[in-house]
Protein backbone atom coordinates (compact mmCIF):
# COMPACT_ATOMS: atom_id res chain seq x y z
CA UNK A 1 79.17 103.63 43.00
CA UNK A 2 81.36 106.80 42.77
CA UNK A 3 80.57 107.67 46.41
CA UNK A 4 81.45 104.19 47.56
CA UNK A 5 84.72 104.29 45.70
CA UNK A 6 85.44 107.69 47.24
CA UNK A 7 84.78 106.45 50.72
CA UNK A 8 87.04 103.42 50.13
CA UNK A 9 89.83 105.69 48.95
CA UNK A 10 89.40 107.93 52.03
CA UNK A 11 89.48 104.90 54.22
CA UNK A 12 92.75 103.62 52.63
CA UNK A 13 94.23 107.15 53.19
CA UNK A 14 93.28 107.12 56.82
CA UNK A 15 94.72 103.63 57.32
CA UNK A 16 97.92 104.44 55.41
CA UNK A 17 98.27 107.71 57.39
CA UNK A 18 97.84 105.84 60.67
CA UNK A 19 100.44 103.29 59.74
CA UNK A 20 103.03 105.91 58.92
CA UNK A 21 102.09 108.32 61.85
CA UNK A 22 102.46 105.31 64.18
CA UNK A 23 105.83 104.28 62.63
CA UNK A 24 107.45 107.67 62.01
CA UNK A 25 105.41 110.24 63.94
CA UNK A 26 103.56 113.25 62.57
CA UNK A 27 106.70 115.16 61.41
CA UNK A 28 108.31 112.10 59.97
CA UNK A 29 105.42 110.92 57.76
CA UNK A 30 105.11 112.75 54.41
CA UNK A 31 101.99 113.09 52.35
CA UNK A 32 103.77 111.59 49.43
CA UNK A 33 104.59 108.45 51.34
CA UNK A 34 101.07 108.23 52.69
CA UNK A 35 99.60 108.58 49.17
CA UNK A 36 101.98 105.90 47.91
CA UNK A 37 101.10 103.51 50.73
CA UNK A 38 97.40 103.99 49.94
CA UNK A 39 98.02 103.44 46.28
CA UNK A 40 96.74 106.79 45.14
CA UNK A 41 98.20 110.04 43.74
CA UNK A 42 98.89 113.13 45.85
CA UNK A 43 96.18 114.83 43.98
CA UNK A 44 93.69 112.14 45.12
CA UNK A 45 94.95 112.59 48.62
CA UNK A 46 94.38 116.39 48.45
CA UNK A 47 90.85 115.81 47.16
CA UNK A 48 90.02 114.11 50.54
CA UNK A 49 92.37 116.01 52.88
CA UNK A 50 93.50 119.58 52.38
CA UNK A 51 96.54 119.17 54.68
CA UNK A 52 98.42 116.77 56.83
CA UNK A 53 96.72 118.36 59.81
CA UNK A 54 93.32 117.36 58.41
CA UNK A 55 94.46 113.81 57.82
CA UNK A 56 95.88 113.44 61.28
CA UNK A 57 92.61 114.77 62.72
CA UNK A 58 90.73 112.14 60.66
CA UNK A 59 93.01 109.37 62.13
CA UNK A 60 92.39 110.62 65.60
CA UNK A 61 88.64 110.88 65.10
CA UNK A 62 88.41 107.33 63.67
CA UNK A 63 90.24 105.99 66.78
CA UNK A 64 87.83 107.93 68.97
CA UNK A 65 84.86 106.47 67.21
CA UNK A 66 86.18 102.96 67.48
CA UNK A 67 86.74 103.36 71.19
CA UNK A 68 83.35 104.73 71.85
CA UNK A 69 81.57 102.28 69.64
CA UNK A 70 83.36 99.35 71.38
CA UNK A 71 82.55 100.65 74.87
CA UNK A 72 78.84 101.22 73.91
CA UNK A 73 78.57 97.68 72.61
CA UNK A 74 80.16 96.33 75.79
CA UNK A 75 77.89 98.46 77.98
CA UNK A 76 74.84 97.10 76.25
CA UNK A 77 75.29 93.74 78.02
CA UNK A 78 77.23 94.56 81.24
CA UNK A 79 77.27 96.85 84.21
CA UNK A 80 79.45 100.02 84.18
CA UNK A 81 82.21 98.47 86.16
CA UNK A 82 82.32 95.23 84.11
CA UNK A 83 82.31 97.38 80.98
CA UNK A 84 85.37 99.28 82.30
CA UNK A 85 87.21 96.01 82.88
CA UNK A 86 86.25 94.72 79.33
CA UNK A 87 87.09 98.05 77.79
CA UNK A 88 90.70 97.68 79.05
CA UNK A 89 90.95 94.35 77.27
CA UNK A 90 89.52 95.95 74.17
CA UNK A 91 92.19 98.72 74.39
CA UNK A 92 95.17 96.40 74.72
CA UNK A 93 93.92 94.23 71.85
CA UNK A 94 93.48 97.36 69.70
CA UNK A 95 97.07 98.48 70.58
CA UNK A 96 98.27 95.15 69.26
CA UNK A 97 96.17 95.07 66.04
CA UNK A 98 94.99 98.55 65.07
CA UNK A 99 97.40 101.11 63.73
CA UNK A 100 94.72 103.84 63.90
CA UNK A 101 94.48 103.50 67.78
CA UNK A 102 98.26 103.31 68.12
CA UNK A 103 98.74 106.38 65.87
CA UNK A 104 96.11 108.34 67.77
CA UNK A 105 98.02 107.85 70.99
CA UNK A 106 101.32 108.86 69.35
CA UNK A 107 99.81 111.86 67.63
CA UNK A 108 98.34 112.94 70.94
CA UNK A 109 101.71 112.67 72.70
CA UNK A 110 103.40 114.78 69.93
CA UNK A 111 100.77 117.48 70.01
CA UNK A 112 100.22 119.88 67.06
CA UNK A 113 97.74 122.27 65.60
CA UNK A 114 95.65 119.47 64.10
CA UNK A 115 94.16 118.92 67.59
CA UNK A 116 92.25 122.18 67.41
CA UNK A 117 89.54 120.54 65.20
CA UNK A 118 86.10 119.27 66.35
CA UNK A 119 85.46 116.06 68.25
CA UNK A 120 84.59 112.96 66.31
CA UNK A 121 81.07 113.14 64.90
CA UNK A 122 78.56 110.93 66.69
CA UNK A 123 80.92 110.52 69.68
CA UNK A 124 78.12 109.83 72.21
CA UNK A 125 78.58 109.16 75.88
CA UNK A 126 79.14 105.43 76.63
CA UNK A 127 77.98 105.03 80.18
CA UNK A 128 74.20 105.43 80.14
CA UNK A 129 72.54 102.64 78.22
CA UNK A 130 72.89 99.33 80.12
CA UNK A 131 71.23 95.95 79.72
CA UNK A 132 67.75 96.44 78.61
CA UNK A 133 68.44 100.14 77.79
CA UNK A 134 68.28 101.27 81.47
CA UNK A 135 70.10 104.26 82.55
CA UNK A 136 73.01 104.37 84.95
CA UNK A 137 72.84 108.15 85.63
CA UNK A 138 75.24 109.31 82.93
CA UNK A 139 73.99 111.48 80.09
CA UNK A 140 72.88 109.40 77.21
CA UNK A 141 73.83 112.00 74.60
CA UNK A 142 76.70 114.31 73.98
CA UNK A 143 80.41 113.82 73.92
CA UNK A 144 82.37 112.51 76.92
CA UNK A 145 84.73 115.26 78.04
CA UNK A 146 88.42 114.39 78.13
CA UNK A 147 90.04 114.52 81.52
CA UNK A 148 91.51 118.01 82.14
CA UNK A 149 95.27 118.01 82.14
CA UNK A 150 95.44 114.62 80.31
CA UNK A 151 96.51 115.40 76.75
CA UNK A 152 95.60 113.76 73.40
CA UNK A 153 94.03 110.30 73.13
CA UNK A 154 94.98 109.56 76.68
CA UNK A 155 92.58 112.30 77.69
CA UNK A 156 89.80 110.72 75.50
CA UNK A 157 90.39 107.29 77.02
CA UNK A 158 90.61 108.73 80.53
CA UNK A 159 87.28 110.54 79.98
CA UNK A 160 85.67 107.23 79.06
CA UNK A 161 87.12 105.59 82.12
CA UNK A 162 85.88 108.41 84.35
CA UNK A 163 82.37 108.27 82.86
CA UNK A 164 82.09 104.54 83.48
CA UNK A 165 83.30 105.03 87.03
CA UNK A 166 80.58 107.65 87.56
CA UNK A 167 78.07 105.13 86.19
CA UNK A 168 79.37 102.45 88.48
CA UNK A 169 79.06 104.71 91.47
CA UNK A 170 75.46 105.62 90.69
CA UNK A 171 74.65 101.95 90.09
CA UNK A 172 75.91 101.16 93.55
CA UNK A 173 78.84 99.11 92.39
CA UNK A 174 81.58 101.05 94.16
CA UNK A 175 82.38 101.07 97.81
CA UNK A 176 80.71 103.86 99.73
CA UNK A 177 83.47 106.01 101.15
CA UNK A 178 84.03 109.77 101.69
CA UNK A 179 85.61 111.34 98.67
CA UNK A 180 85.94 109.80 95.25
CA UNK A 181 89.09 111.49 93.87
CA UNK A 182 91.60 108.91 95.14
CA UNK A 183 90.04 105.85 93.64
CA UNK A 184 89.11 107.62 90.43
CA UNK A 185 92.71 109.01 90.09
CA UNK A 186 94.13 105.53 90.74
CA UNK A 187 91.95 103.76 88.17
CA UNK A 188 92.40 106.50 85.50
CA UNK A 189 96.19 106.44 85.99
CA UNK A 190 96.21 102.60 85.70
CA UNK A 191 93.97 102.68 82.66
CA UNK A 192 96.19 105.25 80.87
CA UNK A 193 99.21 103.17 81.78
CA UNK A 194 97.92 100.30 79.69
CA UNK A 195 99.00 102.23 76.53
CA UNK A 196 102.53 102.64 77.99
CA UNK A 197 102.83 98.96 78.85
CA UNK A 198 101.15 97.56 75.73
CA UNK A 199 101.84 100.17 73.14
CA UNK A 200 104.20 97.78 71.31
CA UNK A 201 101.79 94.91 71.40
CA UNK A 202 102.94 91.60 72.95
CA UNK A 203 101.60 88.06 73.08
CA UNK A 204 97.88 87.70 73.59
CA UNK A 205 98.33 85.40 76.59
CA UNK A 206 100.70 87.82 78.31
CA UNK A 207 98.46 90.79 77.65
CA UNK A 208 95.47 88.96 79.17
CA UNK A 209 97.47 87.72 82.18
CA UNK A 210 98.77 91.20 83.05
CA UNK A 211 95.49 93.03 82.59
CA UNK A 212 93.78 90.39 84.68
CA UNK A 213 96.29 90.69 87.39
CA UNK A 214 95.80 94.49 87.33
CA UNK A 215 92.02 94.18 87.89
CA UNK A 216 92.41 91.48 90.54
CA UNK A 217 94.41 94.08 92.47
CA UNK A 218 92.27 97.09 91.74
CA UNK A 219 88.76 95.57 92.30
CA UNK A 220 89.03 95.13 96.12
CA UNK A 221 89.96 98.77 96.36
CA UNK A 222 86.83 99.84 94.48
CA UNK A 223 83.96 97.43 95.35
CA UNK A 224 82.33 96.69 98.76
CA UNK A 225 84.06 94.02 100.83
CA UNK A 226 83.55 90.55 99.34
CA UNK A 227 82.12 92.04 96.06
CA UNK A 228 85.09 91.24 93.74
CA UNK A 229 83.81 87.82 92.91
CA UNK A 230 80.82 89.43 91.04
CA UNK A 231 83.04 90.58 88.25
CA UNK A 232 84.94 88.73 85.54
CA UNK A 233 88.54 89.82 85.40
CA UNK A 234 89.55 87.67 82.41
CA UNK A 235 88.76 88.52 78.77
CA UNK A 236 85.14 87.99 77.74
CA UNK A 237 84.38 85.07 75.43
CA UNK A 238 84.22 86.17 71.74
CA UNK A 239 80.68 86.86 70.53
CA UNK A 240 79.25 84.07 68.25
CA UNK A 241 79.56 84.82 64.56
């Protein structure tokens, strides 16, 4: 009972921290305001987090876990390339509804010493296990490396995108052409741009229309001629309750 209450308090602090980091940035959000928004004292906050750096790291790690968990769930029932398409829809939905994901992107852009901490615990690679548990050639364990030169949460997201592209290539989904840097760079850049375009939310229908249009343009550049029709570029239907 005590442990459950402690975990709930920690969760409220992470959510409150994310809301205020998203709204005011790292420097503009104070621990007093975060404690007040979570409905706890500053003493209770310090029981869970020794510093604002530590709280910011917890927000970032929760966003990373959410991203990887969503992508693994999508990958369980779809090919790597379809998972990449669906992950883009997940991301834009999260940008509209999840302050933790929005805060992680903002914290990453702002930088800071909090980023020197460890990766999110249990952040396993997302590209390996496909339908029926079959492998796509990507390591099934370990943490997906962020893309070098891409900072913050953009780097985490870009690493997931790159891993799914590697899985798609090994699964024979991508066009056979010399050199892979061009298509990979194009898709990673487009995927990272989703946060720029949809960082402030927007209507669900408009988000779906624009993401679908993006993939209808990208797919012919990636797959063998005539192969685009094998992929769904609209949002997947909600899973039954």
